Amino acid sequence: MELDMENSNELLEQMIRERVQKLKQFYIHLFIYIIGITIYVAKTYFGVPINFWPIRFINEFVMWIWTFFLVVQALQLFFVQKVFGTNWEQKRIHKIIEKEKIEKQKWQ
């Protein structure tokens, strides 16, 4: 029983680490997006002559695609968490642990 609790805690800790890592990646992506949108607005609407290699290719199409992927990432991170919250995750964890117990008992 104690071993199962340790496994459960380790699994929960691993899930929390993964969630924090995804959150970190999202905020990095958001920060870079804000820089990109600022450069795009400065270049397009204010006529700032920024024409070196990677910046030259920032146009409306690229910004729409980038915005789409940022929104998808945000929905995936925040909306899915609301629908499949921690209660759902813990139920799944316990269900998997119970399955593993049954499998171990079959082989013993």
PDB file of N, CA and C in Angstrom:
ATOM      1  N   MET A   1       0.826  -1.193   0.000  1.00  0.00           N
ATOM      2  CA  MET A   1       0.000   0.000   0.000  1.00  0.00           C
ATOM      3  C   MET A   1       0.868   1.255   0.000  1.00  0.00           C
ATOM      4  N   GLU A   2       1.922   1.214   0.798  1.00  0.00           N
ATOM      5  CA  GLU A   2       2.819   2.361   0.891  1.00  0.00           C
ATOM      6  C   GLU A   2       3.536   2.589  -0.439  1.00  0.00           C
ATOM      7  N   LEU A   3       3.896   1.497  -1.105  1.00  0.00           N
ATOM      8  CA  LEU A   3       4.559   1.597  -2.396  1.00  0.00           C
ATOM      9  C   LEU A   3       3.631   2.226  -3.437  1.00  0.00           C
ATOM     10  N   ASP A   4       2.359   1.836  -3.404  1.00  0.00           N
ATOM     11  CA  ASP A   4       1.392   2.405  -4.339  1.00  0.00           C
ATOM     12  C   ASP A   4       1.215   3.899  -4.110  1.00  0.00           C
ATOM     13  N   MET A   5       1.237   4.305  -2.854  1.00  0.00           N
ATOM     14  CA  MET A   5       1.093   5.724  -2.537  1.00  0.00           C
ATOM     15  C   MET A   5       2.297   6.497  -3.064  1.00  0.00           C
ATOM     16  N   GLU A   6       3.493   5.907  -2.946  1.00  0.00           N
ATOM     17  CA  GLU A   6       4.693   6.549  -3.475  1.00  0.00           C
ATOM     18  C   GLU A   6       4.605   6.677  -4.990  1.00  0.00           C
ATOM     19  N   ASN A   7       4.155   5.592  -5.653  1.00  0.00           N
ATOM     20  CA  ASN A   7       3.999   5.635  -7.107  1.00  0.00           C
ATOM     21  C   ASN A   7       2.983   6.694  -7.510  1.00  0.00           C
ATOM     22  N   SER A   8       1.897   6.758  -6.767  1.00  0.00           N
ATOM     23  CA  SER A   8       0.861   7.742  -7.049  1.00  0.00           C
ATOM     24  C   SER A   8       1.400   9.159  -6.881  1.00  0.00           C
ATOM     25  N   ASN A   9       2.153   9.383  -5.809  1.00  0.00           N
ATOM     26  CA  ASN A   9       2.734  10.704  -5.574  1.00  0.00           C
ATOM     27  C   ASN A   9       3.762  11.057  -6.641  1.00  0.00           C
ATOM     28  N   GLU A  10       4.571  10.077  -7.046  1.00  0.00           N
ATOM     29  CA  GLU A  10       5.559  10.317  -8.099  1.00  0.00           C
ATOM     30  C   GLU A  10       4.877  10.652  -9.422  1.00  0.00           C
ATOM     31  N   LEU A  11       3.803   9.931  -9.715  1.00  0.00           N
ATOM     32  CA  LEU A  11       3.066  10.174 -10.949  1.00  0.00           C
ATOM     33  C   LEU A  11       2.422  11.558 -10.937  1.00  0.00           C
ATOM     34  N   LEU A  12       1.856  11.920  -9.804  1.00  0.00           N
ATOM     35  CA  LEU A  12       1.250  13.241  -9.659  1.00  0.00           C
ATOM     36  C   LEU A  12       2.303  14.338  -9.772  1.00  0.00           C
ATOM     37  N   GLU A  13       3.455  14.110  -9.153  1.00  0.00           N
ATOM     38  CA  GLU A  13       4.551  15.081  -9.228  1.00  0.00           C
ATOM     39  C   GLU A  13       5.041  15.235 -10.666  1.00  0.00           C
ATOM     40  N   GLN A  14       5.127  14.136 -11.381  1.00  0.00           N
ATOM     41  CA  GLN A  14       5.551  14.179 -12.782  1.00  0.00           C
ATOM     42  C   GLN A  14       4.537  14.956 -13.626  1.00  0.00           C
ATOM     43  N   MET A  15       3.253  14.738 -13.376  1.00  0.00           N
ATOM     44  CA  MET A  15       2.218  15.463 -14.114  1.00  0.00           C
ATOM     45  C   MET A  15       2.290  16.961 -13.827  1.00  0.00           C
ATOM     46  N   ILE A  16       2.560  17.310 -12.582  1.00  0.00           N
ATOM     47  CA  ILE A  16       2.676  18.720 -12.208  1.00  0.00           C
ATOM     48  C   ILE A  16       3.883  19.341 -12.899  1.00  0.00           C
ATOM     49  N   ARG A  17       4.996  18.612 -12.934  1.00  0.00           N
ATOM     50  CA  ARG A  17       6.187  19.124 -13.628  1.00  0.00           C
ATOM     51  C   ARG A  17       5.899  19.383 -15.102  1.00  0.00           C
ATOM     52  N   GLU A  18       5.212  18.424 -15.740  1.00  0.00           N
ATOM     53  CA  GLU A  18       4.880  18.576 -17.156  1.00  0.00           C
ATOM     54  C   GLU A  18       3.976  19.785 -17.373  1.00  0.00           C
ATOM     55  N   ARG A  19       3.016  19.969 -16.490  1.00  0.00           N
ATOM     56  CA  ARG A  19       2.093  21.117 -16.600  1.00  0.00           C
ATOM     57  C   ARG A  19       2.851  22.439 -16.462  1.00  0.00           C
ATOM     58  N   VAL A  20       3.751  22.502 -15.489  1.00  0.00           N
ATOM     59  CA  VAL A  20       4.542  23.719 -15.290  1.00  0.00           C
ATOM     60  C   VAL A  20       5.438  23.962 -16.499  1.00  0.00           C
ATOM     61  N   GLN A  21       6.003  22.909 -17.062  1.00  0.00           N
ATOM     62  CA  GLN A  21       6.848  23.040 -18.251  1.00  0.00           C
ATOM     63  C   GLN A  21       6.035  23.585 -19.426  1.00  0.00           C
ATOM     64  N   LYS A  22       4.808  23.075 -19.610  1.00  0.00           N
ATOM     65  CA  LYS A  22       3.953  23.569 -20.689  1.00  0.00           C
ATOM     66  C   LYS A  22       3.591  25.032 -20.475  1.00  0.00           C
ATOM     67  N   LEU A  23       3.325  25.399 -19.232  1.00  0.00           N
ATOM     68  CA  LEU A  23       3.013  26.790 -18.912  1.00  0.00           C
ATOM     69  C   LEU A  23       4.198  27.687 -19.226  1.00  0.00           C
ATOM     70  N   LYS A  24       5.401  27.225 -18.866  1.00  0.00           N
ATOM     71  CA  LYS A  24       6.620  27.989 -19.132  1.00  0.00           C
ATOM     72  C   LYS A  24       6.804  28.176 -20.641  1.00  0.00           C
ATOM     73  N   GLN A  25       6.609  27.109 -21.407  1.00  0.00           N
ATOM     74  CA  GLN A  25       6.739  27.200 -22.861  1.00  0.00           C
ATOM     75  C   GLN A  25       5.718  28.171 -23.446  1.00  0.00           C
ATOM     76  N   PHE A  26       4.493  28.151 -22.908  1.00  0.00           N
ATOM     77  CA  PHE A  26       3.464  29.063 -23.401  1.00  0.00           C
ATOM     78  C   PHE A  26       3.853  30.510 -23.147  1.00  0.00           C
ATOM     79  N   TYR A  27       4.335  30.817 -21.945  1.00  0.00           N
ATOM     80  CA  TYR A  27       4.695  32.195 -21.631  1.00  0.00           C
ATOM     81  C   TYR A  27       5.903  32.667 -22.444  1.00  0.00           C
ATOM     82  N   ILE A  28       6.840  31.776 -22.722  1.00  0.00           N
ATOM     83  CA  ILE A  28       7.959  32.128 -23.602  1.00  0.00           C
ATOM     84  C   ILE A  28       7.434  32.422 -25.006  1.00  0.00           C
ATOM     85  N   HIS A  29       6.538  31.555 -25.493  1.00  0.00           N
ATOM     86  CA  HIS A  29       5.938  31.746 -26.813  1.00  0.00           C
ATOM     87  C   HIS A  29       5.168  33.067 -26.858  1.00  0.00           C
ATOM     88  N   LEU A  30       4.417  33.369 -25.806  1.00  0.00           N
ATOM     89  CA  LEU A  30       3.657  34.617 -25.739  1.00  0.00           C
ATOM     90  C   LEU A  30       4.584  35.833 -25.759  1.00  0.00           C
ATOM     91  N   PHE A  31       5.682  35.760 -25.027  1.00  0.00           N
ATOM     92  CA  PHE A  31       6.651  36.859 -24.987  1.00  0.00           C
ATOM     93  C   PHE A  31       7.248  37.108 -26.371  1.00  0.00           C
ATOM     94  N   ILE A  32       7.650  36.045 -27.047  1.00  0.00           N
ATOM     95  CA  ILE A  32       8.216  36.176 -28.394  1.00  0.00           C
ATOM     96  C   ILE A  32       7.154  36.692 -29.369  1.00  0.00           C
ATOM     97  N   TYR A  33       5.912  36.239 -29.199  1.00  0.00           N
ATOM     98  CA  TYR A  33       4.814  36.714 -30.042  1.00  0.00           C
ATOM     99  C   TYR A  33       4.602  38.217 -29.871  1.00  0.00           C
ATOM    100  N   ILE A  34       4.646  38.690 -28.633  1.00  0.00           N
ATOM    101  CA  ILE A  34       4.476  40.124 -28.370  1.00  0.00           C
ATOM    102  C   ILE A  34       5.587  40.925 -29.048  1.00  0.00           C
ATOM    103  N   ILE A  35       6.803  40.415 -28.990  1.00  0.00           N
ATOM    104  CA  ILE A  35       7.912  41.080 -29.690  1.00  0.00           C
ATOM    105  C   ILE A  35       7.642  41.086 -31.195  1.00  0.00           C
ATOM    106  N   GLY A  36       7.209  39.940 -31.727  1.00  0.00           N
ATOM    107  CA  GLY A  36       6.923  39.836 -33.161  1.00  0.00           C
ATOM    108  C   GLY A  36       5.803  40.759 -33.600  1.00  0.00           C
ATOM    109  N   ILE A  37       4.737  40.833 -32.825  1.00  0.00           N
ATOM    110  CA  ILE A  37       3.607  41.690 -33.193  1.00  0.00           C
ATOM    111  C   ILE A  37       4.004  43.162 -33.113  1.00  0.00           C
ATOM    112  N   THR A  38       4.865  43.490 -32.148  1.00  0.00           N
ATOM    113  CA  THR A  38       5.353  44.866 -32.032  1.00  0.00           C
ATOM    114  C   THR A  38       6.175  45.243 -33.260  1.00  0.00           C
ATOM    115  N   ILE A  39       7.052  44.355 -33.679  1.00  0.00           N
ATOM    116  CA  ILE A  39       7.865  44.609 -34.876  1.00  0.00           C
ATOM    117  C   ILE A  39       6.972  44.711 -36.109  1.00  0.00           C
ATOM    118  N   TYR A  40       5.981  43.819 -36.215  1.00  0.00           N
ATOM    119  CA  TYR A  40       5.063  43.845 -37.361  1.00  0.00           C
ATOM    120  C   TYR A  40       4.302  45.167 -37.429  1.00  0.00           C
ATOM    121  N   VAL A  41       3.763  45.612 -36.295  1.00  0.00           N
ATOM    122  CA  VAL A  41       3.010  46.873 -36.261  1.00  0.00           C
ATOM    123  C   VAL A  41       3.927  48.047 -36.581  1.00  0.00           C
ATOM    124  N   ALA A  42       5.127  48.048 -36.014  1.00  0.00           N
ATOM    125  CA  ALA A  42       6.073  49.138 -36.280  1.00  0.00           C
ATOM    126  C   ALA A  42       6.437  49.189 -37.758  1.00  0.00           C
ATOM    127  N   LYS A  43       6.635  48.027 -38.344  1.00  0.00           N
ATOM    128  CA  LYS A  43       7.040  47.953 -39.748  1.00  0.00           C
ATOM    129  C   LYS A  43       5.879  48.290 -40.687  1.00  0.00           C
ATOM    130  N   THR A  44       4.705  47.756 -40.410  1.00  0.00           N
ATOM    131  CA  THR A  44       3.570  47.906 -41.315  1.00  0.00           C
ATOM    132  C   THR A  44       2.865  49.253 -41.175  1.00  0.00           C
ATOM    133  N   TYR A  45       2.580  49.635 -39.965  1.00  0.00           N
ATOM    134  CA  TYR A  45       1.743  50.821 -39.764  1.00  0.00           C
ATOM    135  C   TYR A  45       2.530  52.109 -39.525  1.00  0.00           C
ATOM    136  N   PHE A  46       3.732  51.990 -39.005  1.00  0.00           N
ATOM    137  CA  PHE A  46       4.518  53.188 -38.738  1.00  0.00           C
ATOM    138  C   PHE A  46       5.654  53.375 -39.732  1.00  0.00           C
ATOM    139  N   GLY A  47       5.830  52.417 -40.624  1.00  0.00           N
ATOM    140  CA  GLY A  47       6.826  52.543 -41.677  1.00  0.00           C
ATOM    141  C   GLY A  47       8.267  52.488 -41.210  1.00  0.00           C
ATOM    142  N   VAL A  48       8.518  51.847 -40.084  1.00  0.00           N
ATOM    143  CA  VAL A  48       9.889  51.711 -39.592  1.00  0.00           C
ATOM    144  C   VAL A  48      10.643  50.792 -40.554  1.00  0.00           C
ATOM    145  N   PRO A  49      11.779  51.241 -41.086  1.00  0.00           N
ATOM    146  CA  PRO A  49      12.503  50.435 -42.079  1.00  0.00           C
ATOM    147  C   PRO A  49      13.308  49.300 -41.436  1.00  0.00           C
ATOM    148  N   ILE A  50      12.635  48.217 -41.124  1.00  0.00           N
ATOM    149  CA  ILE A  50      13.299  47.039 -40.548  1.00  0.00           C
ATOM    150  C   ILE A  50      13.303  45.980 -41.643  1.00  0.00           C
ATOM    151  N   ASN A  51      14.447  45.738 -42.256  1.00  0.00           N
ATOM    152  CA  ASN A  51      14.483  44.818 -43.386  1.00  0.00           C
ATOM    153  C   ASN A  51      15.606  43.795 -43.318  1.00  0.00           C
ATOM    154  N   PHE A  52      16.106  43.468 -42.140  1.00  0.00           N
ATOM    155  CA  PHE A  52      17.117  42.417 -42.116  1.00  0.00           C
ATOM    156  C   PHE A  52      16.440  41.055 -42.167  1.00  0.00           C
ATOM    157  N   TRP A  53      17.219  40.005 -42.362  1.00  0.00           N
ATOM    158  CA  TRP A  53      16.749  38.705 -42.816  1.00  0.00           C
ATOM    159  C   TRP A  53      15.468  38.163 -42.177  1.00  0.00           C
ATOM    160  N   PRO A  54      15.394  37.811 -40.885  1.00  0.00           N
ATOM    161  CA  PRO A  54      14.156  37.146 -40.449  1.00  0.00           C
ATOM    162  C   PRO A  54      12.970  38.105 -40.349  1.00  0.00           C
ATOM    163  N   ILE A  55      13.228  39.365 -40.078  1.00  0.00           N
ATOM    164  CA  ILE A  55      12.152  40.332 -39.885  1.00  0.00           C
ATOM    165  C   ILE A  55      11.483  40.681 -41.216  1.00  0.00           C
ATOM    166  N   ARG A  56      12.227  40.602 -42.275  1.00  0.00           N
ATOM    167  CA  ARG A  56      11.708  40.943 -43.602  1.00  0.00           C
ATOM    168  C   ARG A  56      10.509  40.067 -43.966  1.00  0.00           C
ATOM    169  N   PHE A  57      10.448  38.851 -43.446  1.00  0.00           N
ATOM    170  CA  PHE A  57       9.396  37.910 -43.825  1.00  0.00           C
ATOM    171  C   PHE A  57       8.178  37.946 -42.901  1.00  0.00           C
ATOM    172  N   ILE A  58       8.168  38.848 -41.944  1.00  0.00           N
ATOM    173  CA  ILE A  58       6.985  38.989 -41.092  1.00  0.00           C
ATOM    174  C   ILE A  58       5.958  39.804 -41.864  1.00  0.00           C
ATOM    175  N   ASN A  59       4.896  39.137 -42.281  1.00  0.00           N
ATOM    176  CA  ASN A  59       3.819  39.818 -42.987  1.00  0.00           C
ATOM    177  C   ASN A  59       2.480  39.411 -42.362  1.00  0.00           C
ATOM    178  N   GLU A  60       1.400  39.852 -42.966  1.00  0.00           N
ATOM    179  CA  GLU A  60       0.081  39.590 -42.393  1.00  0.00           C
ATOM    180  C   GLU A  60      -0.225  38.093 -42.318  1.00  0.00           C
ATOM    181  N   PHE A  61       0.131  37.352 -43.350  1.00  0.00           N
ATOM    182  CA  PHE A  61      -0.120  35.911 -43.366  1.00  0.00           C
ATOM    183  C   PHE A  61       0.604  35.212 -42.215  1.00  0.00           C
ATOM    184  N   VAL A  62       1.853  35.537 -42.038  1.00  0.00           N
ATOM    185  CA  VAL A  62       2.649  34.935 -40.960  1.00  0.00           C
ATOM    186  C   VAL A  62       2.039  35.269 -39.601  1.00  0.00           C
ATOM    187  N   MET A  63       1.598  36.507 -39.433  1.00  0.00           N
ATOM    188  CA  MET A  63       1.019  36.915 -38.155  1.00  0.00           C
ATOM    189  C   MET A  63      -0.305  36.199 -37.889  1.00  0.00           C
ATOM    190  N   TRP A  64      -1.124  35.977 -38.920  1.00  0.00           N
ATOM    191  CA  TRP A  64      -2.373  35.233 -38.736  1.00  0.00           C
ATOM    192  C   TRP A  64      -2.094  33.787 -38.327  1.00  0.00           C
ATOM    193  N   ILE A  65      -1.162  33.154 -38.992  1.00  0.00           N
ATOM    194  CA  ILE A  65      -0.813  31.767 -38.657  1.00  0.00           C
ATOM    195  C   ILE A  65      -0.253  31.698 -37.243  1.00  0.00           C
ATOM    196  N   TRP A  66       0.634  32.609 -36.917  1.00  0.00           N
ATOM    197  CA  TRP A  66       1.247  32.643 -35.591  1.00  0.00           C
ATOM    198  C   TRP A  66       0.180  32.857 -34.516  1.00  0.00           C
ATOM    199  N   THR A  67      -0.750  33.779 -34.770  1.00  0.00           N
ATOM    200  CA  THR A  67      -1.834  34.040 -33.824  1.00  0.00           C
ATOM    201  C   THR A  67      -2.695  32.798 -33.646  1.00  0.00           C
ATOM    202  N   PHE A  68      -2.998  32.122 -34.748  1.00  0.00           N
ATOM    203  CA  PHE A  68      -3.798  30.895 -34.681  1.00  0.00           C
ATOM    204  C   PHE A  68      -3.135  29.860 -33.780  1.00  0.00           C
ATOM    205  N   PHE A  69      -1.852  29.622 -33.986  1.00  0.00           N
ATOM    206  CA  PHE A  69      -1.162  28.615 -33.187  1.00  0.00           C
ATOM    207  C   PHE A  69      -1.031  29.029 -31.718  1.00  0.00           C
ATOM    208  N   LEU A  70      -0.878  30.309 -31.467  1.00  0.00           N
ATOM    209  CA  LEU A  70      -0.827  30.784 -30.088  1.00  0.00           C
ATOM    210  C   LEU A  70      -2.174  30.572 -29.395  1.00  0.00           C
ATOM    211  N   VAL A  71      -3.258  30.864 -30.103  1.00  0.00           N
ATOM    212  CA  VAL A  71      -4.598  30.658 -29.538  1.00  0.00           C
ATOM    213  C   VAL A  71      -4.850  29.176 -29.290  1.00  0.00           C
ATOM    214  N   VAL A  72      -4.459  28.328 -30.229  1.00  0.00           N
ATOM    215  CA  VAL A  72      -4.622  26.881 -30.043  1.00  0.00           C
ATOM    216  C   VAL A  72      -3.843  26.416 -28.820  1.00  0.00           C
ATOM    217  N   GLN A  73      -2.627  26.895 -28.674  1.00  0.00           N
ATOM    218  CA  GLN A  73      -1.813  26.518 -27.518  1.00  0.00           C
ATOM    219  C   GLN A  73      -2.461  26.996 -26.220  1.00  0.00           C
ATOM    220  N   ALA A  74      -2.997  28.213 -26.213  1.00  0.00           N
ATOM    221  CA  ALA A  74      -3.651  28.749 -25.014  1.00  0.00           C
ATOM    222  C   ALA A  74      -4.902  27.947 -24.674  1.00  0.00           C
ATOM    223  N   LEU A  75      -5.715  27.633 -25.684  1.00  0.00           N
ATOM    224  CA  LEU A  75      -6.917  26.830 -25.441  1.00  0.00           C
ATOM    225  C   LEU A  75      -6.559  25.457 -24.907  1.00  0.00           C
ATOM    226  N   GLN A  76      -5.545  24.869 -25.497  1.00  0.00           N
ATOM    227  CA  GLN A  76      -5.108  23.548 -25.072  1.00  0.00           C
ATOM    228  C   GLN A  76      -4.622  23.574 -23.628  1.00  0.00           C
ATOM    229  N   LEU A  77      -3.929  24.612 -23.274  1.00  0.00           N
ATOM    230  CA  LEU A  77      -3.346  24.704 -21.942  1.00  0.00           C
ATOM    231  C   LEU A  77      -4.377  25.064 -20.888  1.00  0.00           C
ATOM    232  N   PHE A  78      -5.241  26.036 -21.175  1.00  0.00           N
ATOM    233  CA  PHE A  78      -6.144  26.543 -20.155  1.00  0.00           C
ATOM    234  C   PHE A  78      -7.545  25.940 -20.223  1.00  0.00           C
ATOM    235  N   PHE A  79      -8.129  25.812 -21.417  1.00  0.00           N
ATOM    236  CA  PHE A  79      -9.485  25.293 -21.535  1.00  0.00           C
ATOM    237  C   PHE A  79      -9.547  23.804 -21.238  1.00  0.00           C
ATOM    238  N   VAL A  80      -8.624  23.056 -21.785  1.00  0.00           N
ATOM    239  CA  VAL A  80      -8.608  21.613 -21.555  1.00  0.00           C
ATOM    240  C   VAL A  80      -8.399  21.326 -20.073  1.00  0.00           C
ATOM    241  N   GLN A  81      -7.614  22.162 -19.407  1.00  0.00           N
ATOM    242  CA  GLN A  81      -7.393  21.989 -17.968  1.00  0.00           C
ATOM    243  C   GLN A  81      -8.696  22.196 -17.203  1.00  0.00           C
ATOM    244  N   LYS A  82      -9.536  23.122 -17.659  1.00  0.00           N
ATOM    245  CA  LYS A  82     -10.823  23.347 -16.994  1.00  0.00           C
ATOM    246  C   LYS A  82     -11.747  22.146 -17.195  1.00  0.00           C
ATOM    247  N   VAL A  83     -11.775  21.615 -18.411  1.00  0.00           N
ATOM    248  CA  VAL A  83     -12.650  20.486 -18.707  1.00  0.00           C
ATOM    249  C   VAL A  83     -12.133  19.218 -18.036  1.00  0.00           C
ATOM    250  N   PHE A  84     -10.854  18.948 -18.211  1.00  0.00           N
ATOM    251  CA  PHE A  84     -10.238  17.774 -17.604  1.00  0.00           C
ATOM    252  C   PHE A  84      -9.374  18.242 -16.446  1.00  0.00           C
ATOM    253  N   GLY A  85      -9.986  18.665 -15.373  1.00  0.00           N
ATOM    254  CA  GLY A  85      -9.274  19.239 -14.232  1.00  0.00           C
ATOM    255  C   GLY A  85      -8.522  18.204 -13.417  1.00  0.00           C
ATOM    256  N   THR A  86      -8.068  18.634 -12.251  1.00  0.00           N
ATOM    257  CA  THR A  86      -7.253  17.765 -11.402  1.00  0.00           C
ATOM    258  C   THR A  86      -8.042  16.568 -10.897  1.00  0.00           C
ATOM    259  N   ASN A  87      -9.342  16.730 -10.668  1.00  0.00           N
ATOM    260  CA  ASN A  87     -10.149  15.583 -10.234  1.00  0.00           C
ATOM    261  C   ASN A  87     -10.136  14.498 -11.295  1.00  0.00           C
ATOM    262  N   TRP A  88     -10.296  14.903 -12.544  1.00  0.00           N
ATOM    263  CA  TRP A  88     -10.275  13.946 -13.636  1.00  0.00           C
ATOM    264  C   TRP A  88      -8.913  13.270 -13.714  1.00  0.00           C
ATOM    265  N   GLU A  89      -7.844  14.055 -13.567  1.00  0.00           N
ATOM    266  CA  GLU A  89      -6.492  13.504 -13.629  1.00  0.00           C
ATOM    267  C   GLU A  89      -6.275  12.493 -12.509  1.00  0.00           C
ATOM    268  N   GLN A  90      -6.706  12.844 -11.305  1.00  0.00           N
ATOM    269  CA  GLN A  90      -6.505  11.937 -10.175  1.00  0.00           C
ATOM    270  C   GLN A  90      -7.316  10.655 -10.345  1.00  0.00           C
ATOM    271  N   LYS A  91      -8.524  10.765 -10.884  1.00  0.00           N
ATOM    272  CA  LYS A  91      -9.320   9.565 -11.150  1.00  0.00           C
ATOM    273  C   LYS A  91      -8.602   8.666 -12.145  1.00  0.00           C
ATOM    274  N   ARG A  92      -8.045   9.281 -13.196  1.00  0.00           N
ATOM    275  CA  ARG A  92      -7.316   8.504 -14.196  1.00  0.00           C
ATOM    276  C   ARG A  92      -6.076   7.849 -13.588  1.00  0.00           C
ATOM    277  N   ILE A  93      -5.379   8.581 -12.730  1.00  0.00           N
ATOM    278  CA  ILE A  93      -4.186   8.039 -12.074  1.00  0.00           C
ATOM    279  C   ILE A  93      -4.558   6.819 -11.249  1.00  0.00           C
ATOM    280  N   HIS A  94      -5.599   6.951 -10.446  1.00  0.00           N
ATOM    281  CA  HIS A  94      -6.011   5.830  -9.599  1.00  0.00           C
ATOM    282  C   HIS A  94      -6.503   4.650 -10.436  1.00  0.00           C
ATOM    283  N   LYS A  95      -7.176   4.940 -11.535  1.00  0.00           N
ATOM    284  CA  LYS A  95      -7.644   3.876 -12.412  1.00  0.00           C
ATOM    285  C   LYS A  95      -6.457   3.118 -13.017  1.00  0.00           C
ATOM    286  N   ILE A  96      -5.444   3.851 -13.444  1.00  0.00           N
ATOM    287  CA  ILE A  96      -4.247   3.224 -14.016  1.00  0.00           C
ATOM    288  C   ILE A  96      -3.517   2.407 -12.957  1.00  0.00           C
ATOM    289  N   ILE A  97      -3.410   2.952 -11.756  1.00  0.00           N
ATOM    290  CA  ILE A  97      -2.742   2.239 -10.664  1.00  0.00           C
ATOM    291  C   ILE A  97      -3.491   0.952 -10.339  1.00  0.00           C
ATOM    292  N   GLU A  98      -4.814   1.008 -10.309  1.00  0.00           N
ATOM    293  CA  GLU A  98      -5.613  -0.190 -10.042  1.00  0.00           C
ATOM    294  C   GLU A  98      -5.413  -1.229 -11.144  1.00  0.00           C
ATOM    295  N   LYS A  99      -5.358  -0.785 -12.393  1.00  0.00           N
ATOM    296  CA  LYS A  99      -5.104  -1.710 -13.504  1.00  0.00           C
ATOM    297  C   LYS A  99      -3.755  -2.396 -13.339  1.00  0.00           C
ATOM    298  N   GLU A 100      -2.740  -1.609 -12.953  1.00  0.00           N
ATOM    299  CA  GLU A 100      -1.409  -2.178 -12.756  1.00  0.00           C
ATOM    300  C   GLU A 100      -1.417  -3.190 -11.617  1.00  0.00           C
ATOM    301  N   LYS A 101      -2.143  -2.915 -10.558  1.00  0.00           N
ATOM    302  CA  LYS A 101      -2.247  -3.860  -9.440  1.00  0.00           C
ATOM    303  C   LYS A 101      -2.848  -5.174  -9.915  1.00  0.00           C
ATOM    304  N   ILE A 102      -3.916  -5.079 -10.695  1.00  0.00           N
ATOM    305  CA  ILE A 102      -4.586  -6.279 -11.199  1.00  0.00           C
ATOM    306  C   ILE A 102      -3.647  -7.062 -12.105  1.00  0.00           C
ATOM    307  N   GLU A 103      -2.915  -6.363 -12.970  1.00  0.00           N
ATOM    308  CA  GLU A 103      -1.960  -7.027 -13.858  1.00  0.00           C
ATOM    309  C   GLU A 103      -0.854  -7.719 -13.067  1.00  0.00           C
ATOM    310  N   LYS A 104      -0.363  -7.065 -12.026  1.00  0.00           N
ATOM    311  CA  LYS A 104       0.680  -7.666 -11.193  1.00  0.00           C
ATOM    312  C   LYS A 104       0.162  -8.907 -10.485  1.00  0.00           C
ATOM    313  N   GLN A 105      -1.079  -8.838 -10.024  1.00  0.00           N
ATOM    314  CA  GLN A 105      -1.664  -9.981  -9.326  1.00  0.00           C
ATOM    315  C   GLN A 105      -1.864 -11.154 -10.272  1.00  0.00           C
ATOM    316  N   LYS A 106      -2.167 -10.892 -11.524  1.00  0.00           N
ATOM    317  CA  LYS A 106      -2.342 -11.956 -12.504  1.00  0.00           C
ATOM    318  C   LYS A 106      -1.033 -12.714 -12.712  1.00  0.00           C
ATOM    319  N   TRP A 107       0.070 -12.009 -12.682  1.00  0.00           N
ATOM    320  CA  TRP A 107       1.361 -12.629 -12.964  1.00  0.00           C
ATOM    321  C   TRP A 107       2.006 -13.241 -11.732  1.00  0.00           C
ATOM    322  N   GLN A 108       1.449 -12.995 -10.566  1.00  0.00           N
ATOM    323  CA  GLN A 108       2.058 -13.562  -9.350  1.00  0.00           C
ATOM    324  C   GLN A 108       1.452 -14.877  -8.982  1.00  0.00           C
TER     325      GLN A 108
END
